[in-house]
N, C-alpha and C. Protein backbone atom coordinates (compact mmCIF):
# COMPACT_ATOMS: atom_id res chain seq x y z
N MET A 1 0.96 -1.13 0.00
CA MET A 1 -0.12 0.08 0.11
C MET A 1 1.03 1.31 0.03
N THR A 2 0.74 1.94 -0.85
CA THR A 2 1.45 3.33 -1.03
C THR A 2 0.51 4.68 -0.98
N GLY A 3 1.08 5.70 -0.23
CA GLY A 3 0.37 6.76 -0.28
C GLY A 3 1.26 8.15 -0.60
N ILE A 4 0.98 9.13 -1.20
CA ILE A 4 1.49 10.18 -1.36
C ILE A 4 0.90 11.51 -1.00
N ASP A 5 1.49 12.59 -0.48
CA ASP A 5 0.92 13.97 -0.24
C ASP A 5 1.84 14.96 -0.64
N ILE A 6 1.21 16.08 -0.91
CA ILE A 6 2.13 17.28 -1.38
C ILE A 6 1.56 18.60 -0.62
N VAL A 7 2.35 19.37 0.16
CA VAL A 7 1.75 20.40 0.84
C VAL A 7 2.78 21.70 0.28
N LYS A 8 2.03 22.88 0.25
CA LYS A 8 2.70 24.16 0.10
C LYS A 8 3.28 24.50 1.36
N ILE A 9 4.37 24.88 1.47
CA ILE A 9 5.07 25.22 2.67
C ILE A 9 4.41 26.53 3.22
N SER A 10 4.04 27.40 2.38
CA SER A 10 3.29 28.64 2.78
C SER A 10 2.24 28.58 3.70
N ARG A 11 1.45 27.32 3.30
CA ARG A 11 0.33 27.02 4.03
C ARG A 11 0.56 26.77 5.44
N ILE A 12 1.64 26.00 5.64
CA ILE A 12 1.96 25.54 7.07
C ILE A 12 2.52 26.90 7.78
N GLU A 13 3.17 27.85 7.16
CA GLU A 13 3.59 29.19 7.63
C GLU A 13 2.46 30.06 7.97
N LYS A 14 1.31 29.98 7.20
CA LYS A 14 0.19 30.92 7.49
C LYS A 14 -0.66 30.40 8.85
N LEU A 15 -0.53 28.99 8.95
CA LEU A 15 -1.25 28.31 10.04
C LEU A 15 -0.52 28.65 11.29
N LYS A 16 0.79 28.74 11.36
CA LYS A 16 1.86 29.16 12.53
C LYS A 16 1.84 30.45 12.67
N LYS A 17 1.51 31.41 11.74
CA LYS A 17 1.45 33.02 11.95
C LYS A 17 0.01 33.25 12.57
N ARG A 18 -0.74 32.53 12.19
CA ARG A 18 -2.13 32.65 12.69
C ARG A 18 -2.54 31.95 14.08
N PHE A 19 -1.78 30.94 14.22
CA PHE A 19 -2.10 30.16 15.50
C PHE A 19 -1.03 29.89 16.46
N GLY A 20 0.26 30.32 16.09
CA GLY A 20 1.27 29.91 16.77
C GLY A 20 1.69 28.63 16.99
N ASP A 21 2.18 28.22 18.10
CA ASP A 21 2.39 26.87 18.59
C ASP A 21 1.20 25.95 18.47
N LYS A 22 0.07 26.58 18.69
CA LYS A 22 -1.08 25.72 18.67
C LYS A 22 -1.31 24.81 17.35
N ALA A 23 -0.82 25.60 16.33
CA ALA A 23 -1.13 24.90 15.00
C ALA A 23 -0.28 23.69 14.80
N LEU A 24 0.98 23.90 15.28
CA LEU A 24 1.83 22.69 15.11
C LEU A 24 1.16 21.47 15.98
N LYS A 25 0.79 21.73 17.17
CA LYS A 25 0.13 20.85 18.19
C LYS A 25 -0.98 20.17 17.63
N ARG A 26 -1.61 20.63 16.70
CA ARG A 26 -2.77 19.95 15.93
C ARG A 26 -2.35 18.64 15.31
N PHE A 27 -0.94 18.53 14.82
CA PHE A 27 -0.56 17.47 14.10
C PHE A 27 0.73 16.94 14.61
N LEU A 28 1.48 17.42 15.39
CA LEU A 28 2.68 17.01 15.67
C LEU A 28 2.81 16.89 17.45
N ASP A 29 3.46 15.84 17.96
CA ASP A 29 3.59 15.92 19.41
C ASP A 29 4.87 16.72 19.69
N GLU A 30 5.09 16.80 20.96
CA GLU A 30 6.43 17.73 21.41
C GLU A 30 7.64 17.29 20.78
N ASP A 31 7.84 15.92 20.88
CA ASP A 31 9.04 15.26 20.34
C ASP A 31 9.24 15.68 18.85
N GLU A 32 8.24 15.55 17.92
CA GLU A 32 8.08 15.76 16.51
C GLU A 32 8.35 17.46 16.28
N ILE A 33 7.81 18.08 17.03
CA ILE A 33 7.83 19.71 17.02
C ILE A 33 9.59 19.88 17.23
N LYS A 34 10.20 19.49 18.08
CA LYS A 34 11.63 19.61 18.30
C LYS A 34 12.46 19.12 17.24
N LEU A 35 11.94 18.07 16.68
CA LEU A 35 12.73 17.30 15.59
C LEU A 35 12.54 18.12 14.39
N ALA A 36 11.34 18.58 14.15
CA ALA A 36 11.12 19.54 12.82
C ALA A 36 11.17 20.91 13.04
N SER A 37 12.36 21.67 13.01
CA SER A 37 12.52 22.95 13.51
C SER A 37 12.16 24.25 12.50
N SER A 38 11.69 23.69 11.33
CA SER A 38 11.55 24.77 10.31
C SER A 38 10.10 24.71 9.65
N SER A 39 9.73 25.58 8.98
CA SER A 39 8.22 25.41 8.47
C SER A 39 8.53 24.54 7.14
N THR A 40 9.47 24.38 6.64
CA THR A 40 9.89 23.40 5.57
C THR A 40 9.67 22.02 6.13
N SER A 41 10.34 21.76 7.32
CA SER A 41 10.28 20.47 7.97
C SER A 41 8.71 20.14 8.30
N HIS A 42 8.21 21.15 8.95
CA HIS A 42 6.79 20.95 9.54
C HIS A 42 5.89 20.56 8.29
N ALA A 43 5.98 21.25 7.09
CA ALA A 43 5.26 21.02 5.84
C ALA A 43 5.56 19.34 5.60
N GLY A 44 6.75 19.12 5.40
CA GLY A 44 6.97 17.76 5.44
C GLY A 44 6.56 16.73 6.07
N TYR A 45 6.49 16.90 7.46
CA TYR A 45 5.89 16.25 8.53
C TYR A 45 4.25 16.02 8.14
N TRP A 46 3.65 17.15 7.81
CA TRP A 46 2.17 17.11 7.59
C TRP A 46 2.09 16.19 6.44
N ALA A 47 2.85 16.29 5.42
CA ALA A 47 2.77 15.56 4.24
C ALA A 47 3.12 14.24 4.59
N ALA A 48 4.05 13.82 5.31
CA ALA A 48 4.21 12.33 5.66
C ALA A 48 3.19 11.75 6.45
N LYS A 49 2.37 12.53 7.33
CA LYS A 49 1.31 11.86 7.94
C LYS A 49 0.00 11.83 7.16
N GLU A 50 -0.06 12.68 6.10
CA GLU A 50 -1.27 12.42 5.36
C GLU A 50 -0.79 11.36 4.40
N ALA A 51 0.45 11.07 3.88
CA ALA A 51 0.81 9.93 2.98
C ALA A 51 0.49 8.80 3.71
N ILE A 52 1.08 8.47 5.06
CA ILE A 52 0.92 7.46 5.71
C ILE A 52 -0.52 7.03 5.81
N SER A 53 -1.61 7.92 6.13
CA SER A 53 -2.83 7.69 6.35
C SER A 53 -3.32 7.21 5.06
N LYS A 54 -2.99 7.75 4.04
CA LYS A 54 -3.56 7.38 2.50
C LYS A 54 -2.95 6.14 2.21
N ALA A 55 -1.84 5.67 2.54
CA ALA A 55 -1.31 4.35 2.30
C ALA A 55 -2.09 3.30 3.14
N LEU A 56 -2.74 3.71 4.17
CA LEU A 56 -3.72 2.68 5.15
C LEU A 56 -5.01 2.78 4.33
N GLY A 57 -5.13 3.80 3.45
CA GLY A 57 -6.52 3.58 2.84
C GLY A 57 -7.66 4.43 3.64
N VAL A 58 -7.45 5.10 4.69
CA VAL A 58 -8.45 5.77 5.52
C VAL A 58 -8.08 7.11 5.77
N GLY A 59 -7.04 7.83 5.34
CA GLY A 59 -6.80 9.19 5.35
C GLY A 59 -6.76 9.52 6.84
N ILE A 60 -6.74 10.75 7.21
CA ILE A 60 -6.55 11.24 8.60
C ILE A 60 -8.23 11.16 8.90
N SER A 61 -8.62 10.31 10.05
CA SER A 61 -10.00 10.11 10.44
C SER A 61 -9.93 9.35 11.88
N LYS A 62 -11.10 9.16 12.14
CA LYS A 62 -11.27 8.27 13.36
C LYS A 62 -10.57 6.99 13.66
N LYS A 63 -10.39 6.61 12.14
CA LYS A 63 -9.44 5.17 12.16
C LYS A 63 -8.17 5.59 12.48
N CYS A 64 -7.63 6.62 11.94
CA CYS A 64 -6.01 6.99 12.08
C CYS A 64 -6.06 8.52 12.13
N SER A 65 -5.65 8.94 13.34
CA SER A 65 -5.57 10.33 13.68
C SER A 65 -4.00 10.68 13.40
N PHE A 66 -3.63 12.01 13.22
CA PHE A 66 -2.37 12.40 13.30
C PHE A 66 -1.44 11.95 14.51
N PHE A 67 -2.08 11.55 15.49
CA PHE A 67 -1.19 11.18 16.77
C PHE A 67 -1.25 9.57 16.82
N ASP A 68 -1.74 9.08 15.83
CA ASP A 68 -1.59 7.60 15.69
C ASP A 68 -0.24 7.24 14.81
N ILE A 69 0.17 8.37 14.45
CA ILE A 69 1.48 8.26 13.56
C ILE A 69 2.58 9.16 14.31
N LYS A 70 3.68 8.37 14.47
CA LYS A 70 5.02 9.06 15.26
C LYS A 70 5.98 9.27 14.25
N LEU A 71 6.68 10.22 14.06
CA LEU A 71 7.67 10.65 13.03
C LEU A 71 9.12 10.60 13.82
N TYR A 72 10.05 10.19 13.27
CA TYR A 72 11.39 10.13 13.83
C TYR A 72 12.47 10.22 12.63
N LYS A 73 13.72 10.43 12.95
CA LYS A 73 14.85 10.34 12.18
C LYS A 73 15.82 9.47 12.67
N ASP A 74 16.31 8.74 11.77
CA ASP A 74 17.65 7.80 12.18
C ASP A 74 18.77 8.50 12.33
N GLU A 75 19.93 7.72 12.43
CA GLU A 75 21.33 8.36 12.72
C GLU A 75 21.72 9.03 11.47
N LYS A 76 21.22 8.76 10.27
CA LYS A 76 21.53 9.47 9.11
C LYS A 76 20.56 10.60 8.77
N LYS A 77 19.66 10.60 9.73
CA LYS A 77 18.67 11.88 9.44
C LYS A 77 17.57 11.43 8.53
N ALA A 78 17.55 10.03 8.25
CA ALA A 78 16.35 9.51 7.41
C ALA A 78 14.92 9.35 8.03
N PRO A 79 13.89 9.95 7.38
CA PRO A 79 12.59 9.82 8.21
C PRO A 79 12.10 8.39 8.43
N TYR A 80 11.51 8.14 9.39
CA TYR A 80 10.59 6.84 9.70
C TYR A 80 9.46 7.09 10.60
N PHE A 81 8.75 6.01 10.77
CA PHE A 81 7.52 6.17 11.47
C PHE A 81 7.29 4.83 12.30
N THR A 82 6.48 5.12 13.16
CA THR A 82 5.71 4.11 14.10
C THR A 82 4.18 4.39 14.03
N LEU A 83 3.39 3.39 14.24
CA LEU A 83 2.01 3.67 14.28
C LEU A 83 1.39 2.86 15.63
N SER A 84 0.29 3.41 15.99
CA SER A 84 -0.24 2.88 17.20
C SER A 84 -0.70 1.53 17.03
N LYS A 85 -0.48 0.92 18.18
CA LYS A 85 -0.70 -0.67 18.26
C LYS A 85 -2.02 -1.06 17.49
N HIS A 86 -3.13 -0.33 17.61
CA HIS A 86 -4.29 -0.87 17.26
C HIS A 86 -4.18 -0.69 15.67
N ILE A 87 -3.54 0.23 15.01
CA ILE A 87 -3.54 0.26 13.46
C ILE A 87 -2.67 -0.84 13.11
N VAL A 88 -1.55 -1.14 13.68
CA VAL A 88 -0.72 -2.24 13.34
C VAL A 88 -1.41 -3.50 13.39
N GLU A 89 -2.03 -3.70 14.41
CA GLU A 89 -3.01 -4.95 14.49
C GLU A 89 -4.29 -4.78 13.49
N GLU A 90 -4.83 -3.93 13.32
CA GLU A 90 -5.90 -3.97 12.50
C GLU A 90 -5.56 -4.15 11.12
N PHE A 91 -4.62 -3.58 10.65
CA PHE A 91 -4.02 -3.58 9.13
C PHE A 91 -2.91 -4.67 8.96
N CYS A 92 -2.46 -5.48 10.00
CA CYS A 92 -1.77 -6.58 10.03
C CYS A 92 -0.38 -6.01 9.16
N ILE A 93 0.19 -5.02 9.80
CA ILE A 93 1.31 -4.24 9.14
C ILE A 93 2.69 -5.08 9.52
N THR A 94 3.41 -5.30 8.55
CA THR A 94 4.80 -6.06 8.62
C THR A 94 6.08 -5.33 8.48
N ASP A 95 5.98 -4.15 7.57
CA ASP A 95 7.00 -3.15 7.24
C ASP A 95 6.50 -1.87 6.74
N THR A 96 7.37 -0.97 6.97
CA THR A 96 7.15 0.47 6.61
C THR A 96 8.24 1.22 5.93
N SER A 97 7.90 2.25 5.05
CA SER A 97 9.00 2.88 4.57
C SER A 97 8.35 4.41 4.40
N LEU A 98 9.17 5.38 4.31
CA LEU A 98 9.01 6.83 4.19
C LEU A 98 9.99 7.66 3.54
N SER A 99 9.86 8.56 2.47
CA SER A 99 10.60 9.37 2.01
C SER A 99 9.84 10.91 2.16
N ILE A 100 10.56 11.80 2.46
CA ILE A 100 10.18 13.20 2.61
C ILE A 100 11.22 14.11 1.64
N THR A 101 10.58 14.93 0.74
CA THR A 101 11.54 15.81 -0.06
C THR A 101 10.95 17.11 0.04
N HIS A 102 11.80 18.22 -0.24
CA HIS A 102 11.19 19.55 -0.47
C HIS A 102 11.79 20.02 -1.89
N ASP A 103 11.08 20.85 -2.34
CA ASP A 103 11.53 21.47 -3.61
C ASP A 103 10.77 22.94 -3.75
N GLY A 104 11.56 24.12 -3.87
CA GLY A 104 10.91 25.17 -3.78
C GLY A 104 9.81 25.48 -2.69
N GLU A 105 8.69 25.76 -3.05
CA GLU A 105 7.48 26.07 -2.36
C GLU A 105 6.72 24.68 -1.70
N TYR A 106 7.33 23.50 -2.00
CA TYR A 106 6.51 22.32 -1.66
C TYR A 106 7.30 21.39 -0.78
N ALA A 107 6.54 20.73 -0.09
CA ALA A 107 6.97 19.38 0.59
C ALA A 107 6.38 18.27 0.02
N VAL A 108 7.03 17.33 -0.31
CA VAL A 108 6.23 16.12 -0.70
C VAL A 108 6.53 14.85 0.12
N ALA A 109 5.83 13.81 0.44
CA ALA A 109 6.07 12.62 1.14
C ALA A 109 5.47 11.41 0.55
N VAL A 110 6.21 10.36 0.43
CA VAL A 110 5.58 9.22 -0.03
C VAL A 110 6.00 8.12 1.05
N ALA A 111 4.78 7.38 1.43
CA ALA A 111 4.80 6.29 2.46
C ALA A 111 4.53 4.82 1.68
N HIS A 112 5.23 3.83 2.26
CA HIS A 112 4.82 2.60 1.78
C HIS A 112 4.54 1.75 3.09
N ILE A 113 3.62 1.03 2.80
CA ILE A 113 3.32 0.04 4.16
C ILE A 113 2.82 -1.38 3.63
N GLU A 114 3.53 -2.34 4.23
CA GLU A 114 3.27 -3.84 3.69
C GLU A 114 2.56 -4.50 4.68
N SER A 115 1.57 -5.27 4.35
CA SER A 115 0.70 -5.93 5.40
C SER A 115 0.45 -7.27 4.87
N ASN A 116 0.24 -8.27 5.86
CA ASN A 116 -0.04 -9.71 5.42
C ASN A 116 -1.47 -9.92 5.59
N SER A 117 -2.45 -8.73 5.43
CA SER A 117 -3.89 -8.79 5.55
C SER A 117 -4.36 -9.70 4.45
N LYS A 118 -5.46 -10.36 4.99
CA LYS A 118 -6.15 -11.04 3.86
C LYS A 118 -7.05 -10.25 3.00
N ARG A 119 -7.40 -9.11 3.28
CA ARG A 119 -7.99 -8.18 2.42
C ARG A 119 -7.32 -7.91 1.01
N VAL A 120 -7.67 -8.41 0.10
CA VAL A 120 -7.19 -8.42 -1.16
C VAL A 120 -8.22 -7.66 -2.24
N LYS A 121 -7.80 -6.68 -2.76
CA LYS A 121 -8.50 -6.05 -3.81
C LYS A 121 -8.44 -6.77 -5.17
N PRO A 122 -9.43 -7.09 -5.99
CA PRO A 122 -9.28 -7.70 -7.07
C PRO A 122 -8.53 -7.06 -8.06
N LEU A 123 -7.98 -7.73 -9.12
CA LEU A 123 -6.88 -7.10 -10.04
C LEU A 123 -7.52 -6.98 -11.20
N TYR A 124 -9.04 -7.61 -11.40
CA TYR A 124 -9.47 -7.38 -12.90
C TYR A 124 -10.95 -7.43 -12.45
N HIS A 125 -11.66 -7.37 -13.67
CA HIS A 125 -13.21 -7.48 -13.48
C HIS A 125 -13.77 -8.22 -14.58
């Protein structure tokens, strides 16, 4: 399952200008706010969480909130994520990957989630 999202960085800047830190707290926890120290990074994190929820096929919703997704960086500064236990169990998740990039005015994220779920979509009709 793969999800992608794109965010205009100025959109996040406008939210921060209007609502201050409260804007970031709507989609990031304290550790994530510290980890992403610029509007560019904040936009990338928004895109990442949206891409992850799209890969699950539910979007940001009652089934998967922004806070069911936790973002990190490894020792090489590459992004990765974990999910709430109920999501891992419900979707039978076995592996994940994440890429975030920035170019000009935009942040883009692609997430891939592997599952051993028996829910298979038909490939033909």
